[in-house]
Amino acid sequence: MDALLKQIGWSVQTLAQRLGVRTSTIGDWLNGRRNIPDNLADWLRQVARALDQAPALPEGWRSGGGC
């Protein structure tokens, strides 16, 4: 799960906020003190896959693209 969070770019705090759980719950999953629910693990894999398939950022968006 830690690798998936890194791939997605979410912190423990971000995931906890999105799920409406305490950060300690996420920590317990990461440290193996509690099992990660199967449906949550599947969902995280789907999010990571979707990000991998997202189109590349527009060319030049960081170099004075008006943002």
PDB file of N, CA and C in Angstrom:
ATOM      1  N   MET A   1       0.823  -1.187   0.000  1.00  0.00           N
ATOM      2  CA  MET A   1       0.000   0.000   0.000  1.00  0.00           C
ATOM      3  C   MET A   1       0.867   1.251   0.000  1.00  0.00           C
ATOM      4  N   ASP A   2       1.978   1.217   0.679  1.00  0.00           N
ATOM      5  CA  ASP A   2       2.874   2.376   0.720  1.00  0.00           C
ATOM      6  C   ASP A   2       3.337   2.741  -0.683  1.00  0.00           C
ATOM      7  N   ALA A   3       3.668   1.737  -1.479  1.00  0.00           N
ATOM      8  CA  ALA A   3       4.115   1.997  -2.849  1.00  0.00           C
ATOM      9  C   ALA A   3       2.995   2.609  -3.678  1.00  0.00           C
ATOM     10  N   LEU A   4       1.770   2.153  -3.465  1.00  0.00           N
ATOM     11  CA  LEU A   4       0.640   2.716  -4.198  1.00  0.00           C
ATOM     12  C   LEU A   4       0.418   4.176  -3.822  1.00  0.00           C
ATOM     13  N   LEU A   5       0.532   4.492  -2.535  1.00  0.00           N
ATOM     14  CA  LEU A   5       0.366   5.883  -2.106  1.00  0.00           C
ATOM     15  C   LEU A   5       1.418   6.769  -2.753  1.00  0.00           C
ATOM     16  N   LYS A   6       2.659   6.277  -2.814  1.00  0.00           N
ATOM     17  CA  LYS A   6       3.721   7.051  -3.452  1.00  0.00           C
ATOM     18  C   LYS A   6       3.455   7.222  -4.943  1.00  0.00           C
ATOM     19  N   GLN A   7       2.989   6.164  -5.585  1.00  0.00           N
ATOM     20  CA  GLN A   7       2.694   6.218  -7.010  1.00  0.00           C
ATOM     21  C   GLN A   7       1.574   7.230  -7.285  1.00  0.00           C
ATOM     22  N   ILE A   8       0.572   7.257  -6.431  1.00  0.00           N
ATOM     23  CA  ILE A   8      -0.557   8.169  -6.589  1.00  0.00           C
ATOM     24  C   ILE A   8      -0.168   9.587  -6.190  1.00  0.00           C
ATOM     25  N   GLY A   9       0.789   9.688  -5.262  1.00  0.00           N
ATOM     26  CA  GLY A   9       1.220  10.997  -4.791  1.00  0.00           C
ATOM     27  C   GLY A   9       0.433  11.488  -3.589  1.00  0.00           C
ATOM     28  N   TRP A  10      -0.155  10.567  -2.845  1.00  0.00           N
ATOM     29  CA  TRP A  10      -0.928  10.912  -1.662  1.00  0.00           C
ATOM     30  C   TRP A  10      -0.134  10.611  -0.406  1.00  0.00           C
ATOM     31  N   SER A  11      -0.313  11.450   0.586  1.00  0.00           N
ATOM     32  CA  SER A  11       0.260  11.201   1.903  1.00  0.00           C
ATOM     33  C   SER A  11      -0.723  10.347   2.705  1.00  0.00           C
ATOM     34  N   VAL A  12      -0.263   9.864   3.836  1.00  0.00           N
ATOM     35  CA  VAL A  12      -1.135   9.145   4.762  1.00  0.00           C
ATOM     36  C   VAL A  12      -2.301  10.050   5.166  1.00  0.00           C
ATOM     37  N   GLN A  13      -1.999  11.307   5.403  1.00  0.00           N
ATOM     38  CA  GLN A  13      -3.033  12.261   5.812  1.00  0.00           C
ATOM     39  C   GLN A  13      -4.081  12.453   4.714  1.00  0.00           C
ATOM     40  N   THR A  14      -3.631  12.528   3.482  1.00  0.00           N
ATOM     41  CA  THR A  14      -4.560  12.701   2.365  1.00  0.00           C
ATOM     42  C   THR A  14      -5.496  11.506   2.247  1.00  0.00           C
ATOM     43  N   LEU A  15      -4.943  10.300   2.316  1.00  0.00           N
ATOM     44  CA  LEU A  15      -5.774   9.103   2.218  1.00  0.00           C
ATOM     45  C   LEU A  15      -6.756   9.039   3.382  1.00  0.00           C
ATOM     46  N   ALA A  16      -6.278   9.322   4.580  1.00  0.00           N
ATOM     47  CA  ALA A  16      -7.161   9.289   5.747  1.00  0.00           C
ATOM     48  C   ALA A  16      -8.309  10.280   5.574  1.00  0.00           C
ATOM     49  N   GLN A  17      -8.007  11.462   5.084  1.00  0.00           N
ATOM     50  CA  GLN A  17      -9.042  12.478   4.877  1.00  0.00           C
ATOM     51  C   GLN A  17     -10.044  12.010   3.823  1.00  0.00           C
ATOM     52  N   ARG A  18      -9.555  11.449   2.739  1.00  0.00           N
ATOM     53  CA  ARG A  18     -10.445  10.980   1.673  1.00  0.00           C
ATOM     54  C   ARG A  18     -11.354   9.854   2.151  1.00  0.00           C
ATOM     55  N   LEU A  19     -10.834   9.004   3.034  1.00  0.00           N
ATOM     56  CA  LEU A  19     -11.618   7.871   3.518  1.00  0.00           C
ATOM     57  C   LEU A  19     -12.438   8.201   4.760  1.00  0.00           C
ATOM     58  N   GLY A  20     -12.117   9.316   5.397  1.00  0.00           N
ATOM     59  CA  GLY A  20     -12.817   9.673   6.629  1.00  0.00           C
ATOM     60  C   GLY A  20     -12.420   8.801   7.803  1.00  0.00           C
ATOM     61  N   VAL A  21     -11.134   8.421   7.843  1.00  0.00           N
ATOM     62  CA  VAL A  21     -10.615   7.614   8.952  1.00  0.00           C
ATOM     63  C   VAL A  21      -9.436   8.342   9.583  1.00  0.00           C
ATOM     64  N   ARG A  22      -9.011   7.866  10.723  1.00  0.00           N
ATOM     65  CA  ARG A  22      -7.846   8.451  11.401  1.00  0.00           C
ATOM     66  C   ARG A  22      -6.566   8.044  10.692  1.00  0.00           C
ATOM     67  N   THR A  23      -5.576   8.917  10.804  1.00  0.00           N
ATOM     68  CA  THR A  23      -4.272   8.577  10.220  1.00  0.00           C
ATOM     69  C   THR A  23      -3.676   7.346  10.889  1.00  0.00           C
ATOM     70  N   SER A  24      -4.022   7.117  12.141  1.00  0.00           N
ATOM     71  CA  SER A  24      -3.514   5.923  12.830  1.00  0.00           C
ATOM     72  C   SER A  24      -4.050   4.639  12.191  1.00  0.00           C
ATOM     73  N   THR A  25      -5.254   4.702  11.626  1.00  0.00           N
ATOM     74  CA  THR A  25      -5.799   3.535  10.918  1.00  0.00           C
ATOM     75  C   THR A  25      -4.950   3.232   9.698  1.00  0.00           C
ATOM     76  N   ILE A  26      -4.598   4.267   8.945  1.00  0.00           N
ATOM     77  CA  ILE A  26      -3.737   4.075   7.772  1.00  0.00           C
ATOM     78  C   ILE A  26      -2.380   3.536   8.220  1.00  0.00           C
ATOM     79  N   GLY A  27      -1.845   4.092   9.295  1.00  0.00           N
ATOM     80  CA  GLY A  27      -0.575   3.611   9.834  1.00  0.00           C
ATOM     81  C   GLY A  27      -0.631   2.147  10.224  1.00  0.00           C
ATOM     82  N   ASP A  28      -1.741   1.743  10.820  1.00  0.00           N
ATOM     83  CA  ASP A  28      -1.909   0.328  11.187  1.00  0.00           C
ATOM     84  C   ASP A  28      -1.906  -0.562   9.949  1.00  0.00           C
ATOM     85  N   TRP A  29      -2.528  -0.097   8.871  1.00  0.00           N
ATOM     86  CA  TRP A  29      -2.514  -0.871   7.625  1.00  0.00           C
ATOM     87  C   TRP A  29      -1.102  -0.949   7.069  1.00  0.00           C
ATOM     88  N   LEU A  30      -0.404   0.177   7.077  1.00  0.00           N
ATOM     89  CA  LEU A  30       0.950   0.207   6.519  1.00  0.00           C
ATOM     90  C   LEU A  30       1.926  -0.638   7.326  1.00  0.00           C
ATOM     91  N   ASN A  31       1.735  -0.690   8.637  1.00  0.00           N
ATOM     92  CA  ASN A  31       2.639  -1.438   9.508  1.00  0.00           C
ATOM     93  C   ASN A  31       2.219  -2.885   9.721  1.00  0.00           C
ATOM     94  N   GLY A  32       1.109  -3.295   9.096  1.00  0.00           N
ATOM     95  CA  GLY A  32       0.664  -4.679   9.203  1.00  0.00           C
ATOM     96  C   GLY A  32      -0.061  -5.015  10.488  1.00  0.00           C
ATOM     97  N   ARG A  33      -0.385  -4.004  11.283  1.00  0.00           N
ATOM     98  CA  ARG A  33      -1.130  -4.276  12.522  1.00  0.00           C
ATOM     99  C   ARG A  33      -2.593  -4.597  12.238  1.00  0.00           C
ATOM    100  N   ARG A  34      -3.078  -4.105  11.116  1.00  0.00           N
ATOM    101  CA  ARG A  34      -4.444  -4.392  10.683  1.00  0.00           C
ATOM    102  C   ARG A  34      -4.400  -4.706   9.200  1.00  0.00           C
ATOM    103  N   ASN A  35      -5.296  -5.559   8.767  1.00  0.00           N
ATOM    104  CA  ASN A  35      -5.384  -5.893   7.348  1.00  0.00           C
ATOM    105  C   ASN A  35      -6.054  -4.767   6.585  1.00  0.00           C
ATOM    106  N   ILE A  36      -5.521  -4.475   5.422  1.00  0.00           N
ATOM    107  CA  ILE A  36      -6.131  -3.495   4.536  1.00  0.00           C
ATOM    108  C   ILE A  36      -7.361  -4.158   3.916  1.00  0.00           C
ATOM    109  N   PRO A  37      -8.519  -3.526   4.002  1.00  0.00           N
ATOM    110  CA  PRO A  37      -9.705  -4.115   3.367  1.00  0.00           C
ATOM    111  C   PRO A  37      -9.456  -4.373   1.880  1.00  0.00           C
ATOM    112  N   ASP A  38      -9.868  -5.536   1.412  1.00  0.00           N
ATOM    113  CA  ASP A  38      -9.623  -5.911   0.012  1.00  0.00           C
ATOM    114  C   ASP A  38     -10.185  -4.887  -0.961  1.00  0.00           C
ATOM    115  N   ASN A  39     -11.392  -4.387  -0.675  1.00  0.00           N
ATOM    116  CA  ASN A  39     -11.995  -3.443  -1.617  1.00  0.00           C
ATOM    117  C   ASN A  39     -11.217  -2.129  -1.658  1.00  0.00           C
ATOM    118  N   LEU A  40     -10.597  -1.750  -0.556  1.00  0.00           N
ATOM    119  CA  LEU A  40      -9.788  -0.533  -0.534  1.00  0.00           C
ATOM    120  C   LEU A  40      -8.492  -0.737  -1.322  1.00  0.00           C
ATOM    121  N   ALA A  41      -7.860  -1.870  -1.132  1.00  0.00           N
ATOM    122  CA  ALA A  41      -6.633  -2.171  -1.880  1.00  0.00           C
ATOM    123  C   ALA A  41      -6.918  -2.193  -3.378  1.00  0.00           C
ATOM    124  N   ASP A  42      -8.050  -2.781  -3.762  1.00  0.00           N
ATOM    125  CA  ASP A  42      -8.438  -2.807  -5.179  1.00  0.00           C
ATOM    126  C   ASP A  42      -8.659  -1.393  -5.705  1.00  0.00           C
ATOM    127  N   TRP A  43      -9.329  -0.560  -4.910  1.00  0.00           N
ATOM    128  CA  TRP A  43      -9.608   0.814  -5.314  1.00  0.00           C
ATOM    129  C   TRP A  43      -8.317   1.600  -5.505  1.00  0.00           C
ATOM    130  N   LEU A  44      -7.368   1.451  -4.572  1.00  0.00           N
ATOM    131  CA  LEU A  44      -6.084   2.149  -4.704  1.00  0.00           C
ATOM    132  C   LEU A  44      -5.339   1.715  -5.957  1.00  0.00           C
ATOM    133  N   ARG A  45      -5.383   0.427  -6.277  1.00  0.00           N
ATOM    134  CA  ARG A  45      -4.750  -0.056  -7.508  1.00  0.00           C
ATOM    135  C   ARG A  45      -5.421   0.559  -8.739  1.00  0.00           C
ATOM    136  N   GLN A  46      -6.744   0.703  -8.699  1.00  0.00           N
ATOM    137  CA  GLN A  46      -7.467   1.311  -9.817  1.00  0.00           C
ATOM    138  C   GLN A  46      -7.096   2.780  -9.975  1.00  0.00           C
ATOM    139  N   VAL A  47      -6.969   3.499  -8.861  1.00  0.00           N
ATOM    140  CA  VAL A  47      -6.572   4.911  -8.911  1.00  0.00           C
ATOM    141  C   VAL A  47      -5.169   5.026  -9.516  1.00  0.00           C
ATOM    142  N   ALA A  48      -4.249   4.189  -9.060  1.00  0.00           N
ATOM    143  CA  ALA A  48      -2.882   4.221  -9.579  1.00  0.00           C
ATOM    144  C   ALA A  48      -2.862   3.913 -11.074  1.00  0.00           C
ATOM    145  N   ARG A  49      -3.637   2.927 -11.501  1.00  0.00           N
ATOM    146  CA  ARG A  49      -3.716   2.576 -12.925  1.00  0.00           C
ATOM    147  C   ARG A  49      -4.270   3.746 -13.745  1.00  0.00           C
ATOM    148  N   ALA A  50      -5.305   4.388 -13.216  1.00  0.00           N
ATOM    149  CA  ALA A  50      -5.913   5.517 -13.927  1.00  0.00           C
ATOM    150  C   ALA A  50      -4.908   6.655 -14.096  1.00  0.00           C
ATOM    151  N   LEU A  51      -4.116   6.916 -13.074  1.00  0.00           N
ATOM    152  CA  LEU A  51      -3.096   7.966 -13.177  1.00  0.00           C
ATOM    153  C   LEU A  51      -2.026   7.593 -14.195  1.00  0.00           C
ATOM    154  N   ASP A  52      -1.654   6.326 -14.237  1.00  0.00           N
ATOM    155  CA  ASP A  52      -0.658   5.873 -15.214  1.00  0.00           C
ATOM    156  C   ASP A  52      -1.167   6.045 -16.638  1.00  0.00           C
ATOM    157  N   GLN A  53      -2.483   5.956 -16.829  1.00  0.00           N
ATOM    158  CA  GLN A  53      -3.065   6.038 -18.164  1.00  0.00           C
ATOM    159  C   GLN A  53      -3.500   7.457 -18.525  1.00  0.00           C
ATOM    160  N   ALA A  54      -3.367   8.388 -17.596  1.00  0.00           N
ATOM    161  CA  ALA A  54      -3.753   9.776 -17.869  1.00  0.00           C
ATOM    162  C   ALA A  54      -2.833  10.375 -18.929  1.00  0.00           C
ATOM    163  N   PRO A  55      -3.362  11.288 -19.728  1.00  0.00           N
ATOM    164  CA  PRO A  55      -2.500  11.913 -20.739  1.00  0.00           C
ATOM    165  C   PRO A  55      -1.407  12.735 -20.079  1.00  0.00           C
ATOM    166  N   ALA A  56      -0.344  12.923 -20.807  1.00  0.00           N
ATOM    167  CA  ALA A  56       0.774  13.733 -20.317  1.00  0.00           C
ATOM    168  C   ALA A  56       0.316  15.177 -20.127  1.00  0.00           C
ATOM    169  N   LEU A  57       1.011  15.887 -19.267  1.00  0.00           N
ATOM    170  CA  LEU A  57       0.708  17.301 -19.064  1.00  0.00           C
ATOM    171  C   LEU A  57       0.960  18.074 -20.350  1.00  0.00           C
ATOM    172  N   PRO A  58       0.227  19.163 -20.543  1.00  0.00           N
ATOM    173  CA  PRO A  58       0.436  19.945 -21.759  1.00  0.00           C
ATOM    174  C   PRO A  58       1.872  20.441 -21.854  1.00  0.00           C
ATOM    175  N   GLU A  59       2.394  20.446 -23.051  1.00  0.00           N
ATOM    176  CA  GLU A  59       3.768  20.904 -23.274  1.00  0.00           C
ATOM    177  C   GLU A  59       3.915  22.359 -22.852  1.00  0.00           C
ATOM    178  N   GLY A  60       4.959  22.634 -22.087  1.00  0.00           N
ATOM    179  CA  GLY A  60       5.286  23.980 -21.677  1.00  0.00           C
ATOM    180  C   GLY A  60       4.425  24.572 -20.583  1.00  0.00           C
ATOM    181  N   TRP A  61       3.615  23.806 -19.956  1.00  0.00           N
ATOM    182  CA  TRP A  61       2.694  24.379 -18.958  1.00  0.00           C
ATOM    183  C   TRP A  61       3.437  25.022 -17.797  1.00  0.00           C
ATOM    184  N   ARG A  62       4.640  24.571 -17.458  1.00  0.00           N
ATOM    185  CA  ARG A  62       5.399  25.141 -16.351  1.00  0.00           C
ATOM    186  C   ARG A  62       6.250  26.342 -16.762  1.00  0.00           C
ATOM    187  N   SER A  63       6.539  26.429 -18.027  1.00  0.00           N
ATOM    188  CA  SER A  63       7.472  27.477 -18.469  1.00  0.00           C
ATOM    189  C   SER A  63       6.713  28.703 -19.012  1.00  0.00           C
ATOM    190  N   GLY A  64       6.081  29.415 -18.089  1.00  0.00           N
ATOM    191  CA  GLY A  64       5.400  30.643 -18.480  1.00  0.00           C
ATOM    192  C   GLY A  64       4.092  30.416 -19.194  1.00  0.00           C
ATOM    193  N   GLY A  65       3.431  29.311 -18.875  1.00  0.00           N
ATOM    194  CA  GLY A  65       2.165  28.997 -19.521  1.00  0.00           C
ATOM    195  C   GLY A  65       0.989  29.813 -19.026  1.00  0.00           C
ATOM    196  N   GLY A  66       1.243  30.881 -18.265  1.00  0.00           N
ATOM    197  CA  GLY A  66       0.161  31.735 -17.830  1.00  0.00           C
ATOM    198  C   GLY A  66      -0.522  31.297 -16.558  1.00  0.00           C
ATOM    199  N   CYS A  67       0.083  30.385 -15.825  1.00  0.00           N
ATOM    200  CA  CYS A  67      -0.528  29.897 -14.591  1.00  0.00           C
ATOM    201  C   CYS A  67      -0.148  30.761 -13.411  1.00  0.00           C
TER     202      CYS A  67
END
